[in-house]
Amino acid sequence: VHIHNREVLESAIAGGQGVMITPNHPCHC
């Protein structure tokens, strides 16, 4: 699994912000 823009996610979490990940659900993985 490759994480693109990981620093954006880490910064948001460190800042106490909520993050919503919305996959397009192409499969059950």
PDB file of all heavy atoms in Angstrom:
ATOM      1  N   VAL A   1       0.861  -1.173   0.000  1.00  0.00           N
ATOM      2  CA  VAL A   1       0.000   0.000   0.000  1.00  0.00           C
ATOM      3  C   VAL A   1       0.900   1.227   0.000  1.00  0.00           C
ATOM      4  O   VAL A   1       1.820   1.329   0.810  1.00  0.00           O
ATOM      5  CB  VAL A   1      -0.924   0.018   1.237  1.00  0.00           C
ATOM      6  CG1 VAL A   1      -1.728   1.292   1.309  1.00  0.00           C
ATOM      7  CG2 VAL A   1      -1.838  -1.199   1.236  1.00  0.00           C
ATOM      8  N   HIS A   2       0.646   2.150  -0.909  1.00  0.00           N
ATOM      9  CA  HIS A   2       1.384   3.417  -0.962  1.00  0.00           C
ATOM     10  C   HIS A   2       0.480   4.511  -0.412  1.00  0.00           C
ATOM     11  O   HIS A   2      -0.688   4.600  -0.775  1.00  0.00           O
ATOM     12  CB  HIS A   2       1.762   3.770  -2.402  1.00  0.00           C
ATOM     13  CG  HIS A   2       2.665   2.787  -3.044  1.00  0.00           C
ATOM     14  ND1 HIS A   2       4.017   2.739  -2.786  1.00  0.00           N
ATOM     15  CD2 HIS A   2       2.420   1.801  -3.932  1.00  0.00           C
ATOM     16  CE1 HIS A   2       4.555   1.766  -3.490  1.00  0.00           C
ATOM     17  NE2 HIS A   2       3.600   1.172  -4.189  1.00  0.00           N
ATOM     18  N   ILE A   3       1.059   5.361   0.440  1.00  0.00           N
ATOM     19  CA  ILE A   3       0.303   6.485   0.999  1.00  0.00           C
ATOM     20  C   ILE A   3       0.803   7.754   0.328  1.00  0.00           C
ATOM     21  O   ILE A   3       1.953   8.144   0.512  1.00  0.00           O
ATOM     22  CB  ILE A   3       0.484   6.593   2.525  1.00  0.00           C
ATOM     23  CG1 ILE A   3       0.119   5.282   3.206  1.00  0.00           C
ATOM     24  CG2 ILE A   3      -0.349   7.744   3.073  1.00  0.00           C
ATOM     25  CD1 ILE A   3       0.447   5.262   4.687  1.00  0.00           C
ATOM     26  N   HIS A   4      -0.056   8.397  -0.445  1.00  0.00           N
ATOM     27  CA  HIS A   4       0.280   9.670  -1.078  1.00  0.00           C
ATOM     28  C   HIS A   4      -0.141  10.806  -0.155  1.00  0.00           C
ATOM     29  O   HIS A   4      -1.206  10.751   0.462  1.00  0.00           O
ATOM     30  CB  HIS A   4      -0.419   9.799  -2.433  1.00  0.00           C
ATOM     31  CG  HIS A   4       0.011   8.763  -3.411  1.00  0.00           C
ATOM     32  ND1 HIS A   4       1.171   8.862  -4.147  1.00  0.00           N
ATOM     33  CD2 HIS A   4      -0.539   7.590  -3.752  1.00  0.00           C
ATOM     34  CE1 HIS A   4       1.298   7.794  -4.915  1.00  0.00           C
ATOM     35  NE2 HIS A   4       0.266   6.992  -4.685  1.00  0.00           N
ATOM     36  N   ASN A   5       0.710  11.820  -0.029  1.00  0.00           N
ATOM     37  CA  ASN A   5       0.429  12.983   0.831  1.00  0.00           C
ATOM     38  C   ASN A   5       0.269  12.595   2.294  1.00  0.00           C
ATOM     39  O   ASN A   5      -0.561  13.140   3.009  1.00  0.00           O
ATOM     40  CB  ASN A   5      -0.800  13.747   0.344  1.00  0.00           C
ATOM     41  CG  ASN A   5      -0.608  14.314  -1.039  1.00  0.00           C
ATOM     42  OD1 ASN A   5       0.482  14.784  -1.374  1.00  0.00           O
ATOM     43  ND2 ASN A   5      -1.634  14.247  -1.857  1.00  0.00           N
ATOM     44  N   ARG A   6       1.086  11.653   2.722  1.00  0.00           N
ATOM     45  CA  ARG A   6       1.032  11.179   4.105  1.00  0.00           C
ATOM     46  C   ARG A   6       1.201  12.323   5.109  1.00  0.00           C
ATOM     47  O   ARG A   6       0.551  12.340   6.144  1.00  0.00           O
ATOM     48  CB  ARG A   6       2.130  10.131   4.300  1.00  0.00           C
ATOM     49  CG  ARG A   6       2.224   9.592   5.690  1.00  0.00           C
ATOM     50  CD  ARG A   6       3.314   8.545   5.772  1.00  0.00           C
ATOM     51  NE  ARG A   6       3.462   8.039   7.103  1.00  0.00           N
ATOM     52  CZ  ARG A   6       4.071   6.917   7.395  1.00  0.00           C
ATOM     53  NH1 ARG A   6       4.591   6.180   6.446  1.00  0.00           N
ATOM     54  NH2 ARG A   6       4.168   6.523   8.635  1.00  0.00           N
ATOM     55  N   GLU A   7       2.072  13.286   4.764  1.00  0.00           N
ATOM     56  CA  GLU A   7       2.339  14.398   5.675  1.00  0.00           C
ATOM     57  C   GLU A   7       1.092  15.241   5.924  1.00  0.00           C
ATOM     58  O   GLU A   7       0.905  15.787   7.007  1.00  0.00           O
ATOM     59  CB  GLU A   7       3.493  15.270   5.162  1.00  0.00           C
ATOM     60  CG  GLU A   7       3.251  15.945   3.827  1.00  0.00           C
ATOM     61  CD  GLU A   7       3.426  15.048   2.610  1.00  0.00           C
ATOM     62  OE1 GLU A   7       3.906  13.905   2.729  1.00  0.00           O
ATOM     63  OE2 GLU A   7       3.065  15.502   1.518  1.00  0.00           O
ATOM     64  N   VAL A   8       0.208  15.332   4.954  1.00  0.00           N
ATOM     65  CA  VAL A   8      -1.048  16.070   5.128  1.00  0.00           C
ATOM     66  C   VAL A   8      -1.910  15.363   6.168  1.00  0.00           C
ATOM     67  O   VAL A   8      -2.479  16.000   7.069  1.00  0.00           O
ATOM     68  CB  VAL A   8      -1.803  16.197   3.780  1.00  0.00           C
ATOM     69  CG1 VAL A   8      -3.167  16.827   3.984  1.00  0.00           C
ATOM     70  CG2 VAL A   8      -0.979  16.983   2.778  1.00  0.00           C
ATOM     71  N   LEU A   9      -2.010  14.055   6.064  1.00  0.00           N
ATOM     72  CA  LEU A   9      -2.790  13.265   7.017  1.00  0.00           C
ATOM     73  C   LEU A   9      -2.184  13.355   8.412  1.00  0.00           C
ATOM     74  O   LEU A   9      -2.895  13.601   9.389  1.00  0.00           O
ATOM     75  CB  LEU A   9      -2.847  11.805   6.557  1.00  0.00           C
ATOM     76  CG  LEU A   9      -3.609  10.822   7.430  1.00  0.00           C
ATOM     77  CD1 LEU A   9      -5.067  11.238   7.575  1.00  0.00           C
ATOM     78  CD2 LEU A   9      -3.511   9.422   6.850  1.00  0.00           C
ATOM     79  N   GLU A  10      -0.872  13.194   8.519  1.00  0.00           N
ATOM     80  CA  GLU A  10      -0.203  13.263   9.825  1.00  0.00           C
ATOM     81  C   GLU A  10      -0.369  14.640  10.460  1.00  0.00           C
ATOM     82  O   GLU A  10      -0.592  14.750  11.664  1.00  0.00           O
ATOM     83  CB  GLU A  10       1.269  12.902   9.679  1.00  0.00           C
ATOM     84  CG  GLU A  10       1.496  11.447   9.359  1.00  0.00           C
ATOM     85  CD  GLU A  10       2.937  11.105   9.045  1.00  0.00           C
ATOM     86  OE1 GLU A  10       3.674  11.968   8.510  1.00  0.00           O
ATOM     87  OE2 GLU A  10       3.332   9.964   9.322  1.00  0.00           O
ATOM     88  N   SER A  11      -0.276  15.694   9.651  1.00  0.00           N
ATOM     89  CA  SER A  11      -0.432  17.055  10.162  1.00  0.00           C
ATOM     90  C   SER A  11      -1.851  17.289  10.677  1.00  0.00           C
ATOM     91  O   SER A  11      -2.048  17.902  11.728  1.00  0.00           O
ATOM     92  CB  SER A  11      -0.096  18.047   9.052  1.00  0.00           C
ATOM     93  OG  SER A  11      -0.349  19.359   9.469  1.00  0.00           O
ATOM     94  N   ALA A  12      -2.836  16.817   9.955  1.00  0.00           N
ATOM     95  CA  ALA A  12      -4.230  16.973  10.377  1.00  0.00           C
ATOM     96  C   ALA A  12      -4.480  16.248  11.692  1.00  0.00           C
ATOM     97  O   ALA A  12      -5.120  16.793  12.598  1.00  0.00           O
ATOM     98  CB  ALA A  12      -5.165  16.459   9.293  1.00  0.00           C
ATOM     99  N   ILE A  13      -3.977  15.034  11.801  1.00  0.00           N
ATOM    100  CA  ILE A  13      -4.169  14.246  13.029  1.00  0.00           C
ATOM    101  C   ILE A  13      -3.458  14.905  14.194  1.00  0.00           C
ATOM    102  O   ILE A  13      -4.017  15.034  15.283  1.00  0.00           O
ATOM    103  CB  ILE A  13      -3.706  12.791  12.819  1.00  0.00           C
ATOM    104  CG1 ILE A  13      -4.645  12.092  11.824  1.00  0.00           C
ATOM    105  CG2 ILE A  13      -3.664  12.037  14.141  1.00  0.00           C
ATOM    106  CD1 ILE A  13      -4.134  10.766  11.320  1.00  0.00           C
ATOM    107  N   ALA A  14      -2.219  15.354  13.969  1.00  0.00           N
ATOM    108  CA  ALA A  14      -1.448  16.018  15.027  1.00  0.00           C
ATOM    109  C   ALA A  14      -2.137  17.301  15.486  1.00  0.00           C
ATOM    110  O   ALA A  14      -2.062  17.673  16.666  1.00  0.00           O
ATOM    111  CB  ALA A  14      -0.043  16.320  14.542  1.00  0.00           C
ATOM    112  N   GLY A  15      -2.840  17.972  14.569  1.00  0.00           N
ATOM    113  CA  GLY A  15      -3.554  19.200  14.903  1.00  0.00           C
ATOM    114  C   GLY A  15      -4.921  18.970  15.506  1.00  0.00           C
ATOM    115  O   GLY A  15      -5.670  19.914  15.747  1.00  0.00           O
ATOM    116  N   GLY A  16      -5.272  17.701  15.733  1.00  0.00           N
ATOM    117  CA  GLY A  16      -6.554  17.378  16.345  1.00  0.00           C
ATOM    118  C   GLY A  16      -7.738  17.516  15.402  1.00  0.00           C
ATOM    119  O   GLY A  16      -8.881  17.588  15.840  1.00  0.00           O
ATOM    120  N   GLN A  17      -7.464  17.542  14.105  1.00  0.00           N
ATOM    121  CA  GLN A  17      -8.536  17.667  13.124  1.00  0.00           C
ATOM    122  C   GLN A  17      -9.119  16.300  12.794  1.00  0.00           C
ATOM    123  O   GLN A  17      -8.433  15.294  12.845  1.00  0.00           O
ATOM    124  CB  GLN A  17      -8.006  18.305  11.842  1.00  0.00           C
ATOM    125  CG  GLN A  17      -7.496  19.704  12.037  1.00  0.00           C
ATOM    126  CD  GLN A  17      -6.841  20.246  10.783  1.00  0.00           C
ATOM    127  OE1 GLN A  17      -6.505  19.513   9.873  1.00  0.00           O
ATOM    128  NE2 GLN A  17      -6.663  21.553  10.752  1.00  0.00           N
ATOM    129  N   GLY A  18     -10.363  16.285  12.422  1.00  0.00           N
ATOM    130  CA  GLY A  18     -10.991  15.062  11.957  1.00  0.00           C
ATOM    131  C   GLY A  18     -10.617  14.824  10.500  1.00  0.00           C
ATOM    132  O   GLY A  18     -10.400  15.766   9.746  1.00  0.00           O
ATOM    133  N   VAL A  19     -10.533  13.586  10.119  1.00  0.00           N
ATOM    134  CA  VAL A  19     -10.198  13.217   8.746  1.00  0.00           C
ATOM    135  C   VAL A  19     -11.219  12.194   8.269  1.00  0.00           C
ATOM    136  O   VAL A  19     -11.511  11.232   8.975  1.00  0.00           O
ATOM    137  CB  VAL A  19      -8.770  12.605   8.666  1.00  0.00           C
ATOM    138  CG1 VAL A  19      -8.458  12.159   7.260  1.00  0.00           C
ATOM    139  CG2 VAL A  19      -7.732  13.591   9.169  1.00  0.00           C
ATOM    140  N   MET A  20     -11.753  12.411   7.073  1.00  0.00           N
ATOM    141  CA  MET A  20     -12.684  11.447   6.502  1.00  0.00           C
ATOM    142  C   MET A  20     -12.067  10.887   5.220  1.00  0.00           C
ATOM    143  O   MET A  20     -11.706  11.642   4.314  1.00  0.00           O
ATOM    144  CB  MET A  20     -14.027  12.089   6.168  1.00  0.00           C
ATOM    145  CG  MET A  20     -15.008  11.089   5.566  1.00  0.00           C
ATOM    146  SD  MET A  20     -16.598  11.812   5.119  1.00  0.00           S
ATOM    147  CE  MET A  20     -17.332  12.003   6.721  1.00  0.00           C
ATOM    148  N   ILE A  21     -11.931   9.581   5.180  1.00  0.00           N
ATOM    149  CA  ILE A  21     -11.400   8.904   3.997  1.00  0.00           C
ATOM    150  C   ILE A  21     -12.584   8.241   3.310  1.00  0.00           C
ATOM    151  O   ILE A  21     -13.308   7.457   3.920  1.00  0.00           O
ATOM    152  CB  ILE A  21     -10.330   7.865   4.386  1.00  0.00           C
ATOM    153  CG1 ILE A  21      -9.183   8.565   5.117  1.00  0.00           C
ATOM    154  CG2 ILE A  21      -9.839   7.117   3.156  1.00  0.00           C
ATOM    155  CD1 ILE A  21      -8.185   7.628   5.755  1.00  0.00           C
ATOM    156  N   THR A  22     -12.778   8.553   2.044  1.00  0.00           N
ATOM    157  CA  THR A  22     -13.930   8.039   1.320  1.00  0.00           C
ATOM    158  C   THR A  22     -13.480   7.272   0.081  1.00  0.00           C
ATOM    159  O   THR A  22     -13.344   7.848  -0.995  1.00  0.00           O
ATOM    160  CB  THR A  22     -14.880   9.186   0.910  1.00  0.00           C
ATOM    161  OG1 THR A  22     -14.131  10.137   0.152  1.00  0.00           O
ATOM    162  CG2 THR A  22     -15.469   9.861   2.116  1.00  0.00           C
ATOM    163  N   PRO A  23     -13.237   5.979   0.219  1.00  0.00           N
ATOM    164  CA  PRO A  23     -12.808   5.194  -0.946  1.00  0.00           C
ATOM    165  C   PRO A  23     -13.966   5.000  -1.925  1.00  0.00           C
ATOM    166  O   PRO A  23     -15.131   5.095  -1.546  1.00  0.00           O
ATOM    167  CB  PRO A  23     -12.386   3.862  -0.328  1.00  0.00           C
ATOM    168  CG  PRO A  23     -13.197   3.764   0.911  1.00  0.00           C
ATOM    169  CD  PRO A  23     -13.363   5.181   1.418  1.00  0.00           C
ATOM    170  N   ASN A  24     -13.627   4.730  -3.167  1.00  0.00           N
ATOM    171  CA  ASN A  24     -14.682   4.505  -4.157  1.00  0.00           C
ATOM    172  C   ASN A  24     -15.159   3.060  -4.148  1.00  0.00           C
ATOM    173  O   ASN A  24     -16.031   2.693  -4.912  1.00  0.00           O
ATOM    174  CB  ASN A  24     -14.218   4.911  -5.551  1.00  0.00           C
ATOM    175  CG  ASN A  24     -13.048   4.083  -6.046  1.00  0.00           C
ATOM    176  OD1 ASN A  24     -12.561   3.197  -5.349  1.00  0.00           O
ATOM    177  ND2 ASN A  24     -12.580   4.395  -7.231  1.00  0.00           N
ATOM    178  N   HIS A  25     -14.600   2.246  -3.280  1.00  0.00           N
ATOM    179  CA  HIS A  25     -15.041   0.879  -3.012  1.00  0.00           C
ATOM    180  C   HIS A  25     -15.083  -0.010  -4.262  1.00  0.00           C
ATOM    181  O   HIS A  25     -16.111  -0.612  -4.565  1.00  0.00           O
ATOM    182  CB  HIS A  25     -16.399   0.907  -2.332  1.00  0.00           C
ATOM    183  CG  HIS A  25     -16.699  -0.297  -1.485  1.00  0.00           C
ATOM    184  ND1 HIS A  25     -15.742  -1.108  -0.953  1.00  0.00           N
ATOM    185  CD2 HIS A  25     -17.888  -0.814  -1.076  1.00  0.00           C
ATOM    186  CE1 HIS A  25     -16.310  -2.069  -0.264  1.00  0.00           C
ATOM    187  NE2 HIS A  25     -17.609  -1.918  -0.316  1.00  0.00           N
ATOM    188  N   PRO A  26     -13.954  -0.103  -4.973  1.00  0.00           N
ATOM    189  CA  PRO A  26     -13.941  -0.969  -6.149  1.00  0.00           C
ATOM    190  C   PRO A  26     -13.960  -2.458  -5.805  1.00  0.00           C
ATOM    191  O   PRO A  26     -14.301  -3.285  -6.637  1.00  0.00           O
ATOM    192  CB  PRO A  26     -12.640  -0.591  -6.855  1.00  0.00           C
ATOM    193  CG  PRO A  26     -11.758  -0.117  -5.753  1.00  0.00           C
ATOM    194  CD  PRO A  26     -12.676   0.534  -4.743  1.00  0.00           C
ATOM    195  N   CYS A  27     -13.579  -2.794  -4.568  1.00  0.00           N
ATOM    196  CA  CYS A  27     -13.596  -4.186  -4.126  1.00  0.00           C
ATOM    197  C   CYS A  27     -13.687  -4.220  -2.613  1.00  0.00           C
ATOM    198  O   CYS A  27     -13.696  -3.185  -1.960  1.00  0.00           O
ATOM    199  CB  CYS A  27     -12.363  -4.935  -4.634  1.00  0.00           C
ATOM    200  SG  CYS A  27     -10.833  -4.392  -3.864  1.00  0.00           S
ATOM    201  N   HIS A  28     -13.705  -5.408  -2.057  1.00  0.00           N
ATOM    202  CA  HIS A  28     -13.850  -5.550  -0.606  1.00  0.00           C
ATOM    203  C   HIS A  28     -12.535  -5.401   0.157  1.00  0.00           C
ATOM    204  O   HIS A  28     -12.505  -5.626   1.361  1.00  0.00           O
ATOM    205  CB  HIS A  28     -14.500  -6.894  -0.273  1.00  0.00           C
ATOM    206  CG  HIS A  28     -15.936  -6.948  -0.677  1.00  0.00           C
ATOM    207  ND1 HIS A  28     -16.928  -6.294   0.008  1.00  0.00           N
ATOM    208  CD2 HIS A  28     -16.552  -7.549  -1.723  1.00  0.00           C
ATOM    209  CE1 HIS A  28     -18.085  -6.490  -0.574  1.00  0.00           C
ATOM    210  NE2 HIS A  28     -17.883  -7.252  -1.636  1.00  0.00           N
ATOM    211  N   CYS A  29     -11.477  -4.998  -0.522  1.00  0.00           N
ATOM    212  CA  CYS A  29     -10.202  -4.815   0.172  1.00  0.00           C
ATOM    213  C   CYS A  29     -10.090  -3.440   0.828  1.00  0.00           C
ATOM    214  O   CYS A  29      -9.155  -3.189   1.577  1.00  0.00           O
ATOM    215  CB  CYS A  29      -9.030  -5.058  -0.772  1.00  0.00           C
ATOM    216  SG  CYS A  29      -8.836  -3.805  -2.041  1.00  0.00           S
TER     217      CYS A  29
END
